C-alpha atoms as a PDB file:
ATOM      1  CA  MET A   1     -72.532-134.873-129.492  1.00  0.00           C
ATOM      2  CA  THR A   2     -70.846-131.635-128.479  1.00  0.00           C
ATOM      3  CA  ASN A   3     -69.805-130.887-124.915  1.00  0.00           C
ATOM      4  CA  LYS A   4     -70.057-127.156-125.639  1.00  0.00           C
ATOM      5  CA  LEU A   5     -72.565-125.005-123.780  1.00  0.00           C
ATOM      6  CA  VAL A   6     -75.732-124.660-125.856  1.00  0.00           C
ATOM      7  CA  SER A   7     -77.979-121.608-125.400  1.00  0.00           C
ATOM      8  CA  ILE A   8     -81.617-122.087-126.403  1.00  0.00           C
ATOM      9  CA  ILE A   9     -83.660-118.900-126.826  1.00  0.00           C
ATOM     10  CA  VAL A  10     -87.438-119.153-126.480  1.00  0.00           C
ATOM     11  CA  PRO A  11     -89.587-116.075-127.275  1.00  0.00           C
ATOM     12  CA  VAL A  12     -92.846-116.185-125.322  1.00  0.00           C
ATOM     13  CA  TYR A  13     -95.974-114.195-126.103  1.00  0.00           C
ATOM     14  CA  ASN A  14     -99.350-115.348-124.731  1.00  0.00           C
ATOM     15  CA  GLU A  15     -98.145-118.946-124.410  1.00  0.00           C
ATOM     16  CA  GLU A  16     -99.013-119.755-120.782  1.00  0.00           C
ATOM     17  CA  LYS A  17    -100.518-123.186-121.460  1.00  0.00           C
ATOM     18  CA  ASN A  18     -97.664-124.226-123.729  1.00  0.00           C
ATOM     19  CA  ILE A  19     -95.069-123.133-121.162  1.00  0.00           C
ATOM     20  CA  ASP A  20     -96.813-125.356-118.618  1.00  0.00           C
ATOM     21  CA  ARG A  21     -95.800-128.315-120.828  1.00  0.00           C
ATOM     22  CA  PHE A  22     -92.144-127.323-121.221  1.00  0.00           C
ATOM     23  CA  LYS A  23     -90.795-129.308-118.263  1.00  0.00           C
ATOM     24  CA  ILE A  24     -91.926-132.633-119.736  1.00  0.00           C
ATOM     25  CA  ASP A  25     -92.004-131.862-123.464  1.00  0.00           C
ATOM     26  CA  VAL A  26     -88.701-129.998-123.702  1.00  0.00           C
ATOM     27  CA  LEU A  27     -86.455-129.979-120.627  1.00  0.00           C
ATOM     28  CA  ASP A  28     -86.771-133.685-119.861  1.00  0.00           C
ATOM     29  CA  VAL A  29     -86.009-134.485-123.508  1.00  0.00           C
ATOM     30  CA  LEU A  30     -82.866-132.342-123.440  1.00  0.00           C
ATOM     31  CA  ASP A  31     -81.738-133.853-120.138  1.00  0.00           C
ATOM     32  CA  ASN A  32     -81.990-137.346-121.620  1.00  0.00           C
ATOM     33  CA  TYR A  33     -79.455-136.323-124.278  1.00  0.00           C
ATOM     34  CA  GLY A  34     -76.945-135.246-121.647  1.00  0.00           C
ATOM     35  CA  LEU A  35     -76.643-131.739-123.067  1.00  0.00           C
ATOM     36  CA  THR A  36     -74.925-128.890-121.295  1.00  0.00           C
ATOM     37  CA  TYR A  37     -77.426-126.151-121.952  1.00  0.00           C
ATOM     38  CA  GLU A  38     -79.136-123.012-120.765  1.00  0.00           C
ATOM     39  CA  MET A  39     -82.621-121.979-121.821  1.00  0.00           C
ATOM     40  CA  LEU A  40     -83.347-118.260-122.105  1.00  0.00           C
ATOM     41  CA  CYS A  41     -87.096-117.597-122.117  1.00  0.00           C
ATOM     42  CA  VAL A  42     -88.050-114.054-123.116  1.00  0.00           C
ATOM     43  CA  GLU A  43     -91.577-113.016-122.124  1.00  0.00           C
ATOM     44  CA  ASP A  44     -92.481-110.316-124.636  1.00  0.00           C
ATOM     45  CA  GLY A  45     -95.216-108.313-122.908  1.00  0.00           C
ATOM     46  CA  SER A  46     -98.009-110.907-122.976  1.00  0.00           C
ATOM     47  CA  MET A  47    -101.440-109.358-122.436  1.00  0.00           C
ATOM     48  CA  ARG A  48    -103.933-112.221-122.753  1.00  0.00           C
ATOM     49  CA  ASP A  49    -102.559-114.649-120.169  1.00  0.00           C
ATOM     50  CA  ASP A  50    -100.077-115.160-117.325  1.00  0.00           C
ATOM     51  CA  SER A  51     -97.088-116.320-119.337  1.00  0.00           C
ATOM     52  CA  TRP A  52     -94.683-114.670-116.888  1.00  0.00           C
ATOM     53  CA  ASP A  53     -96.090-116.625-113.941  1.00  0.00           C
ATOM     54  CA  ALA A  54     -95.820-119.818-115.977  1.00  0.00           C
ATOM     55  CA  LEU A  55     -92.168-119.027-116.693  1.00  0.00           C
ATOM     56  CA  LYS A  56     -91.441-118.394-113.022  1.00  0.00           C
ATOM     57  CA  LYS A  57     -92.950-121.776-112.222  1.00  0.00           C
ATOM     58  CA  LEU A  58     -90.801-123.384-114.924  1.00  0.00           C
ATOM     59  CA  LYS A  59     -87.682-121.782-113.474  1.00  0.00           C
ATOM     60  CA  GLN A  60     -88.545-123.103-110.022  1.00  0.00           C
ATOM     61  CA  GLN A  61     -88.756-126.585-111.513  1.00  0.00           C
ATOM     62  CA  ALA A  62     -85.632-126.340-113.665  1.00  0.00           C
ATOM     63  CA  GLY A  63     -83.317-124.184-111.565  1.00  0.00           C
ATOM     64  CA  ASP A  64     -80.300-122.523-113.163  1.00  0.00           C
ATOM     65  CA  ARG A  65     -80.831-124.306-116.469  1.00  0.00           C
ATOM     66  CA  VAL A  66     -83.571-121.763-117.227  1.00  0.00           C
ATOM     67  CA  ARG A  67     -83.137-117.990-117.254  1.00  0.00           C
ATOM     68  CA  ILE A  68     -86.210-115.842-117.781  1.00  0.00           C
ATOM     69  CA  PHE A  69     -86.527-112.263-119.006  1.00  0.00           C
ATOM     70  CA  ARG A  70     -89.617-110.068-119.004  1.00  0.00           C
ATOM     71  CA  HIS A  71     -89.932-107.204-121.478  1.00  0.00           C
ATOM     72  CA  SER A  72     -91.574-104.026-120.238  1.00  0.00           C
ATOM     73  CA  LYS A  73     -93.950-104.217-123.222  1.00  0.00           C
ATOM     74  CA  ASN A  74     -94.356-106.111-126.477  1.00  0.00           C
ATOM     75  CA  PHE A  75     -91.272-105.426-128.616  1.00  0.00           C
ATOM     76  CA  GLY A  76     -91.926-108.168-131.168  1.00  0.00           C
ATOM     77  CA  MET A  77     -90.138-111.397-131.975  1.00  0.00           C
ATOM     78  CA  SER A  78     -87.016-109.664-133.271  1.00  0.00           C
ATOM     79  CA  GLY A  79     -86.633-107.847-129.968  1.00  0.00           C
ATOM     80  CA  ALA A  80     -87.122-111.109-128.071  1.00  0.00           C
ATOM     81  CA  TYR A  81     -84.453-112.827-130.152  1.00  0.00           C
ATOM     82  CA  GLN A  82     -82.031-109.943-129.598  1.00  0.00           C
ATOM     83  CA  THR A  83     -82.572-110.131-125.834  1.00  0.00           C
ATOM     84  CA  GLY A  84     -81.598-113.772-126.021  1.00  0.00           C
ATOM     85  CA  PHE A  85     -78.600-113.165-128.278  1.00  0.00           C
ATOM     86  CA  ASP A  86     -77.268-110.438-125.990  1.00  0.00           C
ATOM     87  CA  ASN A  87     -77.491-112.644-122.900  1.00  0.00           C
ATOM     88  CA  ALA A  88     -76.644-116.083-124.309  1.00  0.00           C
ATOM     89  CA  ARG A  89     -73.386-117.585-123.051  1.00  0.00           C
ATOM     90  CA  GLY A  90     -73.216-120.674-125.236  1.00  0.00           C
ATOM     91  CA  GLU A  91     -70.924-121.408-128.176  1.00  0.00           C
ATOM     92  CA  TYR A  92     -73.972-122.732-130.002  1.00  0.00           C
ATOM     93  CA  VAL A  93     -77.104-120.563-129.951  1.00  0.00           C
ATOM     94  CA  LEU A  94     -80.477-122.027-130.921  1.00  0.00           C
ATOM     95  CA  VAL A  95     -83.919-120.447-131.181  1.00  0.00           C
ATOM     96  CA  TYR A  96     -86.961-122.561-130.378  1.00  0.00           C
ATOM     97  CA  ALA A  97     -90.629-121.586-130.726  1.00  0.00           C
ATOM     98  CA  SER A  98     -92.706-121.758-127.549  1.00  0.00           C
ATOM     99  CA  ASP A  99     -95.731-123.100-129.466  1.00  0.00           C
ATOM    100  CA  LEU A 100     -94.135-126.595-129.460  1.00  0.00           C
ATOM    101  CA  GLU A 101     -95.008-127.104-133.135  1.00  0.00           C
ATOM    102  CA  THR A 102     -91.536-128.609-133.651  1.00  0.00           C
ATOM    103  CA  PRO A 103     -90.791-131.572-131.324  1.00  0.00           C
ATOM    104  CA  ALA A 104     -87.876-130.924-128.974  1.00  0.00           C
ATOM    105  CA  ARG A 105     -86.079-134.086-130.109  1.00  0.00           C
ATOM    106  CA  TYR A 106     -84.938-132.204-133.222  1.00  0.00           C
ATOM    107  CA  ILE A 107     -82.824-129.873-131.094  1.00  0.00           C
ATOM    108  CA  LYS A 108     -80.262-132.689-130.928  1.00  0.00           C
ATOM    109  CA  ASP A 109     -80.205-132.895-134.732  1.00  0.00           C
ATOM    110  CA  VAL A 110     -79.588-129.149-135.044  1.00  0.00           C
ATOM    111  CA  ILE A 111     -76.644-129.418-132.655  1.00  0.00           C
ATOM    112  CA  GLU A 112     -75.221-132.357-134.615  1.00  0.00           C
ATOM    113  CA  LYS A 113     -75.382-130.289-137.810  1.00  0.00           C
ATOM    114  CA  LEU A 114     -73.450-127.510-136.067  1.00  0.00           C
ATOM    115  CA  ASP A 115     -70.915-130.121-134.940  1.00  0.00           C
ATOM    116  CA  GLU A 116     -70.520-131.171-138.585  1.00  0.00           C
ATOM    117  CA  GLY A 117     -69.244-127.686-139.415  1.00  0.00           C
ATOM    118  CA  TYR A 118     -72.317-125.758-140.484  1.00  0.00           C
ATOM    119  CA  ASP A 119     -72.590-122.219-139.133  1.00  0.00           C
ATOM    120  CA  VAL A 120     -76.362-121.841-139.586  1.00  0.00           C
ATOM    121  CA  VAL A 121     -78.943-124.638-139.413  1.00  0.00           C
ATOM    122  CA  ASN A 122     -82.581-124.151-140.416  1.00  0.00           C
ATOM    123  CA  THR A 123     -85.478-126.611-140.183  1.00  0.00           C
ATOM    124  CA  ASN A 124     -88.299-127.230-142.648  1.00  0.00           C
ATOM    125  CA  ARG A 125     -91.657-128.170-141.104  1.00  0.00           C
ATOM    126  CA  ILE A 126     -93.161-130.973-143.184  1.00  0.00           C
ATOM    127  CA  GLY A 127     -96.945-130.964-143.624  1.00  0.00           C
ATOM    128  CA  ARG A 128     -97.571-127.695-141.822  1.00  0.00           C
ATOM    129  CA  TRP A 129    -100.132-126.472-144.382  1.00  0.00           C
ATOM    130  CA  ASN A 130    -101.961-129.743-145.047  1.00  0.00           C
ATOM    131  CA  LYS A 131    -105.131-128.420-143.440  1.00  0.00           C
ATOM    132  CA  ASP A 132    -104.822-124.797-144.469  1.00  0.00           C
ATOM    133  CA  GLY A 133    -104.231-124.231-148.164  1.00  0.00           C
ATOM    134  CA  MET A 134    -104.875-120.497-147.842  1.00  0.00           C
ATOM    135  CA  ARG A 135    -101.734-120.152-145.704  1.00  0.00           C
ATOM    136  CA  LYS A 136     -99.653-122.411-147.948  1.00  0.00           C
ATOM    137  CA  ILE A 137     -99.725-120.012-150.903  1.00  0.00           C
ATOM    138  CA  PRO A 138     -98.422-116.881-149.109  1.00  0.00           C
ATOM    139  CA  SER A 139     -95.846-118.990-147.290  1.00  0.00           C
ATOM    140  CA  ALA A 140     -94.524-120.490-150.531  1.00  0.00           C
ATOM    141  CA  VAL A 141     -94.420-117.108-152.263  1.00  0.00           C
ATOM    142  CA  ALA A 142     -92.676-115.477-149.303  1.00  0.00           C
ATOM    143  CA  ASN A 143     -90.023-118.191-149.092  1.00  0.00           C
ATOM    144  CA  PHE A 144     -89.429-117.997-152.851  1.00  0.00           C
ATOM    145  CA  LEU A 145     -88.978-114.215-152.766  1.00  0.00           C
ATOM    146  CA  ILE A 146     -86.662-114.362-149.765  1.00  0.00           C
ATOM    147  CA  SER A 147     -84.535-117.019-151.452  1.00  0.00           C
ATOM    148  CA  LYS A 148     -84.257-115.057-154.701  1.00  0.00           C
ATOM    149  CA  VAL A 149     -83.227-111.846-152.956  1.00  0.00           C
ATOM    150  CA  THR A 150     -80.800-113.307-150.407  1.00  0.00           C
ATOM    151  CA  GLY A 151     -79.384-116.073-152.584  1.00  0.00           C
ATOM    152  CA  VAL A 152     -79.885-118.502-149.680  1.00  0.00           C
ATOM    153  CA  TYR A 153     -82.426-121.142-150.655  1.00  0.00           C
ATOM    154  CA  LEU A 154     -84.402-122.230-147.609  1.00  0.00           C
ATOM    155  CA  LYS A 155     -87.799-123.904-147.809  1.00  0.00           C
ATOM    156  CA  ASP A 156     -89.097-122.631-144.474  1.00  0.00           C
ATOM    157  CA  ASN A 157     -87.760-119.252-143.364  1.00  0.00           C
ATOM    158  CA  GLY A 158     -90.495-119.034-140.735  1.00  0.00           C
ATOM    159  CA  SER A 159     -89.498-122.192-138.894  1.00  0.00           C
ATOM    160  CA  GLY A 160     -89.240-121.790-135.131  1.00  0.00           C
ATOM    161  CA  LEU A 161     -86.160-124.009-134.690  1.00  0.00           C
ATOM    162  CA  LYS A 162     -82.799-122.729-135.923  1.00  0.00           C
ATOM    163  CA  GLY A 163     -79.196-123.037-134.801  1.00  0.00           C
ATOM    164  CA  PHE A 164     -76.181-120.719-135.062  1.00  0.00           C
ATOM    165  CA  LYS A 165     -72.512-120.633-134.204  1.00  0.00           C
ATOM    166  CA  ARG A 166     -71.537-117.967-131.703  1.00  0.00           C
ATOM    167  CA  PHE A 167     -69.859-115.663-134.217  1.00  0.00           C
ATOM    168  CA  ILE A 168     -73.067-115.445-136.265  1.00  0.00           C
ATOM    169  CA  VAL A 169     -75.255-114.106-133.459  1.00  0.00           C
ATOM    170  CA  ASP A 170     -72.476-111.743-132.402  1.00  0.00           C
ATOM    171  CA  HIS A 171     -72.912-110.037-135.788  1.00  0.00           C
ATOM    172  CA  LEU A 172     -76.714-109.972-135.765  1.00  0.00           C
ATOM    173  CA  ASN A 173     -78.544-106.821-134.751  1.00  0.00           C
ATOM    174  CA  MET A 174     -82.232-107.687-134.762  1.00  0.00           C
ATOM    175  CA  HIS A 175     -84.770-104.921-135.375  1.00  0.00           C
ATOM    176  CA  GLY A 176     -88.274-104.586-136.759  1.00  0.00           C
ATOM    177  CA  GLU A 177     -89.483-107.611-138.738  1.00  0.00           C
ATOM    178  CA  MET A 178     -86.092-109.159-139.349  1.00  0.00           C
ATOM    179  CA  HIS A 179     -87.155-112.405-137.680  1.00  0.00           C
ATOM    180  CA  ARG A 180     -89.012-113.240-140.911  1.00  0.00           C
ATOM    181  CA  PHE A 181     -85.810-114.110-142.736  1.00  0.00           C
ATOM    182  CA  PHE A 182     -82.764-113.652-140.531  1.00  0.00           C
ATOM    183  CA  ALA A 183     -81.542-117.219-141.187  1.00  0.00           C
ATOM    184  CA  ALA A 184     -81.341-116.411-144.902  1.00  0.00           C
ATOM    185  CA  TYR A 185     -79.782-113.032-144.128  1.00  0.00           C
ATOM    186  CA  CYS A 186     -76.925-114.868-142.417  1.00  0.00           C
ATOM    187  CA  GLY A 187     -75.664-115.538-145.932  1.00  0.00           C
ATOM    188  CA  VAL A 188     -73.922-112.169-145.472  1.00  0.00           C
ATOM    189  CA  PHE A 189     -71.684-113.796-142.843  1.00  0.00           C
ATOM    190  CA  THR A 190     -71.237-117.393-144.022  1.00  0.00           C
ATOM    191  CA  LYS A 191     -71.838-119.834-146.859  1.00  0.00           C
ATOM    192  CA  ASN A 192     -72.106-122.820-144.490  1.00  0.00           C
ATOM    193  CA  ILE A 193     -75.899-122.889-144.161  1.00  0.00           C
ATOM    194  CA  THR A 194     -78.043-126.019-144.229  1.00  0.00           C
ATOM    195  CA  GLU A 195     -81.640-127.106-143.680  1.00  0.00           C
ATOM    196  CA  PHE A 196     -83.310-130.408-142.846  1.00  0.00           C
ATOM    197  CA  ASP A 197     -86.891-131.647-142.557  1.00  0.00           C
ATOM    198  CA  VAL A 198     -88.693-131.964-139.229  1.00  0.00           C
ATOM    199  CA  GLU A 199     -92.063-133.290-138.175  1.00  0.00           C
ATOM    200  CA  TYR A 200     -94.749-130.675-137.609  1.00  0.00           C
ATOM    201  CA  ASN A 201     -97.188-130.811-134.688  1.00  0.00           C
ATOM    202  CA  GLU A 202    -100.427-128.869-134.720  1.00  0.00           C
ATOM    203  CA  ARG A 203    -100.485-126.133-132.106  1.00  0.00           C
ATOM    204  CA  THR A 204    -102.424-127.393-129.066  1.00  0.00           C
ATOM    205  CA  TYR A 205    -103.029-124.069-127.341  1.00  0.00           C
ATOM    206  CA  GLY A 206    -103.264-120.480-128.566  1.00  0.00           C
ATOM    207  CA  ARG A 207    -103.109-119.246-132.115  1.00  0.00           C
ATOM    208  CA  SER A 208    -100.541-117.755-134.467  1.00  0.00           C
ATOM    209  CA  ALA A 209    -101.030-114.450-136.284  1.00  0.00           C
ATOM    210  CA  TYR A 210     -98.244-115.322-138.717  1.00  0.00           C
ATOM    211  CA  GLY A 211     -98.957-116.524-142.245  1.00  0.00           C
ATOM    212  CA  SER A 212    -101.930-114.490-143.469  1.00  0.00           C
ATOM    213  CA  ILE A 213    -102.349-113.502-147.106  1.00  0.00           C
ATOM    214  CA  THR A 214    -101.095-109.996-146.239  1.00  0.00           C
ATOM    215  CA  ARG A 215     -97.747-111.571-145.414  1.00  0.00           C
ATOM    216  CA  ILE A 216     -96.748-111.485-149.085  1.00  0.00           C
ATOM    217  CA  PHE A 217     -97.155-107.701-149.213  1.00  0.00           C
ATOM    218  CA  SER A 218     -95.195-107.286-145.982  1.00  0.00           C
ATOM    219  CA  VAL A 219     -92.385-109.509-147.214  1.00  0.00           C
ATOM    220  CA  VAL A 220     -92.143-107.581-150.498  1.00  0.00           C
ATOM    221  CA  LEU A 221     -91.626-104.358-148.545  1.00  0.00           C
ATOM    222  CA  ASP A 222     -89.126-106.017-146.224  1.00  0.00           C
ATOM    223  CA  LEU A 223     -87.143-107.390-149.143  1.00  0.00           C
ATOM    224  CA  PHE A 224     -86.522-103.922-150.567  1.00  0.00           C
ATOM    225  CA  THR A 225     -84.570-103.197-147.422  1.00  0.00           C
ATOM    226  CA  ILE A 226     -82.743-106.508-147.114  1.00  0.00           C
ATOM    227  CA  LYS A 227     -81.589-106.282-150.727  1.00  0.00           C
ATOM    228  CA  PHE A 228     -80.365-102.743-150.152  1.00  0.00           C
ATOM    229  CA  MET A 229     -78.512-103.677-146.980  1.00  0.00           C
ATOM    230  CA  MET A 230     -76.989-106.863-148.378  1.00  0.00           C
ATOM    231  CA  SER A 231     -75.736-104.973-151.400  1.00  0.00           C
ATOM    232  CA  PHE A 232     -73.675-102.785-149.095  1.00  0.00           C
ATOM    233  CA  ALA A 233     -72.628-105.756-146.904  1.00  0.00           C
ATOM    234  CA  THR A 234     -74.045-104.145-143.802  1.00  0.00           C
ATOM    235  CA  LYS A 235     -75.513-105.483-140.618  1.00  0.00           C
ATOM    236  CA  PRO A 236     -79.210-106.084-139.945  1.00  0.00           C
ATOM    237  CA  PHE A 237     -81.720-103.283-139.783  1.00  0.00           C
ATOM    238  CA  THR A 238     -85.014-101.909-138.574  1.00  0.00           C
ATOM    239  CA  MET A 239     -88.070-101.849-140.800  1.00  0.00           C
ATOM    240  CA  MET A 240     -90.007 -98.742-139.743  1.00  0.00           C
ATOM    241  CA  PRO A 241     -88.910 -96.153-142.363  1.00  0.00           C
ATOM    242  CA  GLY A 242     -88.951 -98.708-145.150  1.00  0.00           C
ATOM    243  CA  ARG A 243     -92.447 -99.813-144.168  1.00  0.00           C
ATOM    244  CA  LEU A 244     -93.790 -96.249-143.985  1.00  0.00           C
ATOM    245  CA  PHE A 245     -92.267 -94.911-147.182  1.00  0.00           C
ATOM    246  CA  GLY A 246     -92.275 -98.275-148.912  1.00  0.00           C
ATOM    247  CA  THR A 247     -96.023 -98.768-148.514  1.00  0.00           C
ATOM    248  CA  THR A 248     -96.776 -95.304-149.831  1.00  0.00           C
ATOM    249  CA  GLY A 249     -94.210 -95.642-152.601  1.00  0.00           C
ATOM    250  CA  LEU A 250     -95.473 -99.016-153.799  1.00  0.00           C
ATOM    251  CA  LEU A 251     -99.049 -97.747-153.796  1.00  0.00           C
ATOM    252  CA  SER A 252     -98.068 -94.666-155.797  1.00  0.00           C
ATOM    253  CA  PHE A 253     -96.020 -96.758-158.218  1.00  0.00           C
ATOM    254  CA  ALA A 254     -98.861 -99.260-158.693  1.00  0.00           C
ATOM    255  CA  LEU A 255    -101.421 -96.524-159.363  1.00  0.00           C
ATOM    256  CA  GLY A 256     -99.082 -94.867-161.849  1.00  0.00           C
ATOM    257  CA  ILE A 257     -98.447 -98.120-163.700  1.00  0.00           C
ATOM    258  CA  ALA A 258    -102.179 -98.860-163.772  1.00  0.00           C
ATOM    259  CA  ALA A 259    -102.870 -95.447-165.303  1.00  0.00           C
ATOM    260  CA  LEU A 260    -100.157 -95.880-167.928  1.00  0.00           C
ATOM    261  CA  VAL A 261    -101.353 -99.378-168.821  1.00  0.00           C
ATOM    262  CA  TYR A 262    -104.878 -98.030-169.235  1.00  0.00           C
ATOM    263  CA  LEU A 263    -103.617 -95.310-171.596  1.00  0.00           C
ATOM    264  CA  PHE A 264    -101.504 -97.843-173.473  1.00  0.00           C
ATOM    265  CA  VAL A 265    -104.586 -99.981-174.093  1.00  0.00           C
ATOM    266  CA  LEU A 266    -106.514 -96.945-175.356  1.00  0.00           C
ATOM    267  CA  LYS A 267    -103.677 -96.034-177.699  1.00  0.00           C
ATOM    268  CA  ILE A 268    -102.940 -99.488-179.114  1.00  0.00           C
ATOM    269  CA  PHE A 269    -106.364-101.092-179.275  1.00  0.00           C
ATOM    270  CA  PHE A 270    -108.673 -98.104-179.726  1.00  0.00           C
ATOM    271  CA  ALA A 271    -106.365 -95.706-181.581  1.00  0.00           C
ATOM    272  CA  GLU A 272    -107.224 -92.855-179.228  1.00  0.00           C
ATOM    273  CA  SER A 273    -104.944 -89.878-178.706  1.00  0.00           C
ATOM    274  CA  ILE A 274    -103.431 -89.821-175.228  1.00  0.00           C
ATOM    275  CA  GLY A 275    -100.803 -87.082-175.534  1.00  0.00           C
ATOM    276  CA  SER A 276    -103.077 -84.339-174.218  1.00  0.00           C
ATOM    277  CA  ARG A 277    -104.718 -86.374-171.473  1.00  0.00           C
ATOM    278  CA  PRO A 278    -103.954 -85.222-167.898  1.00  0.00           C
ATOM    279  CA  LEU A 279    -103.914 -88.877-166.856  1.00  0.00           C
ATOM    280  CA  LEU A 280    -100.657 -89.375-168.756  1.00  0.00           C
ATOM    281  CA  THR A 281     -98.901 -86.708-166.715  1.00  0.00           C
ATOM    282  CA  ILE A 282    -100.428 -87.994-163.493  1.00  0.00           C
ATOM    283  CA  GLY A 283     -99.373 -91.564-164.258  1.00  0.00           C
ATOM    284  CA  VAL A 284     -95.766 -90.597-164.934  1.00  0.00           C
ATOM    285  CA  LEU A 285     -95.644 -88.462-161.793  1.00  0.00           C
ATOM    286  CA  LEU A 286     -97.039 -91.292-159.655  1.00  0.00           C
ATOM    287  CA  VAL A 287     -94.418 -93.725-160.958  1.00  0.00           C
ATOM    288  CA  VAL A 288     -91.576 -91.268-160.322  1.00  0.00           C
ATOM    289  CA  LEU A 289     -92.956 -90.404-156.879  1.00  0.00           C
ATOM    290  CA  GLY A 290     -93.250 -94.080-156.000  1.00  0.00           C
ATOM    291  CA  VAL A 291     -89.617 -94.768-156.853  1.00  0.00           C
ATOM    292  CA  GLN A 292     -88.477 -91.732-154.863  1.00  0.00           C
ATOM    293  CA  LEU A 293     -90.501 -92.734-151.800  1.00  0.00           C
ATOM    294  CA  VAL A 294     -89.106 -96.270-151.810  1.00  0.00           C
ATOM    295  CA  MET A 295     -85.550 -94.927-152.072  1.00  0.00           C
ATOM    296  CA  THR A 296     -86.256 -92.493-149.233  1.00  0.00           C
ATOM    297  CA  GLY A 297     -87.362 -95.437-147.108  1.00  0.00           C
ATOM    298  CA  LEU A 298     -84.172 -97.336-147.875  1.00  0.00           C
ATOM    299  CA  LEU A 299     -82.041 -94.356-146.895  1.00  0.00           C
ATOM    300  CA  GLY A 300     -84.079 -94.072-143.713  1.00  0.00           C
ATOM    301  CA  GLU A 301     -83.270 -97.704-142.901  1.00  0.00           C
ATOM    302  CA  LEU A 302     -79.567 -97.006-143.331  1.00  0.00           C
ATOM    303  CA  LEU A 303     -79.694 -93.917-141.108  1.00  0.00           C
ATOM    304  CA  LEU A 304     -81.562 -95.776-138.373  1.00  0.00           C
ATOM    305  CA  ARG A 305     -79.070 -98.622-138.500  1.00  0.00           C
ATOM    306  CA  VAL A 306     -76.256 -96.115-138.006  1.00  0.00           C
ATOM    307  CA  TYR A 307     -78.253 -94.558-135.154  1.00  0.00           C
ATOM    308  CA  PHE A 308     -78.756 -97.848-133.335  1.00  0.00           C
ATOM    309  CA  ASP A 309     -75.163 -98.961-133.869  1.00  0.00           C
ATOM    310  CA  SER A 310     -73.649 -95.664-132.717  1.00  0.00           C
ATOM    311  CA  ARG A 311     -75.759 -95.585-129.551  1.00  0.00           C
ATOM    312  CA  LYS A 312     -75.520 -99.353-129.081  1.00  0.00           C
ATOM    313  CA  SER A 313     -79.276 -99.241-128.628  1.00  0.00           C
ATOM    314  CA  ARG A 314     -81.408-102.348-128.407  1.00  0.00           C
ATOM    315  CA  PRO A 315     -85.004-102.785-129.611  1.00  0.00           C
ATOM    316  CA  TYR A 316     -86.248-103.922-126.192  1.00  0.00           C
ATOM    317  CA  ILE A 317     -86.285-103.093-122.476  1.00  0.00           C
ATOM    318  CA  VAL A 318     -85.970-105.878-119.920  1.00  0.00           C
ATOM    319  CA  ALA A 319     -88.152-105.070-116.923  1.00  0.00           C
ATOM    320  CA  GLU A 320     -87.288-108.137-114.848  1.00  0.00           C
ATOM    321  CA  LEU A 321     -84.700-110.916-114.921  1.00  0.00           C
ATOM    322  CA  LEU A 322     -84.727-114.083-112.828  1.00  0.00           C
END
């Protein structure tokens, strides 16, 4: 296995009880492999528990192997990842979910894949939806859509364990909801991407808000932006303008299409005249308006990316570092 320094980034949000298990479940496992590593734990403004205190306790136990960062408020998972990327010193950079749903022993396998020459390594959690079919459908649809748009075919874009070469994270600029598919987005930078299966453990403590049926709608909006940005071979982006204008635009477009389909049915099946109906004009206007709003959102994404890059801004504020 590599003798390179490995940086492991762990976003933490309301995970106090899981962090209490990290010394035994994660650090001791990594030590047994003889890795040279640093773990960067980013506490992202937890409000329901004392995750920060749990991280301070972990650092006392682990010493310099663990570095902890506390955001001044909740900036989201993308902001937590970017904090880690900006401060990681390793030649290999991994992300690892603090919910412990993926056993830490697979970290070694990710590193071995990077040693083999892959630039990006993703993991596929086997059996994660066995007990929850309602979450399986949106997850499958989301992964399919992401694969079709990015051209990178991964089974589990939402997996919490991923690995990257240094040059990949140096080119990432995480904003908004990019954490949903940033492994697939790395296809902009490299073709050497792989994925392997890992065992899935049920979460012992806490709950995840990720994977609801509304996820499909969110991913569809996000993919408008990622397709736009990938087409121009640009860097990652923020999602706020696309989400605002995209939601309104898709709603307008859908209403317009529904109106036109209704008129089409009247014309074809009931032989009714539709040329003088106000609904025809309204339907066409709604479709045109929807397209314009979506395009406005995409342009807004591009302008915000330029804004963040020019100011070298970051989507987070670190309030404390130990």
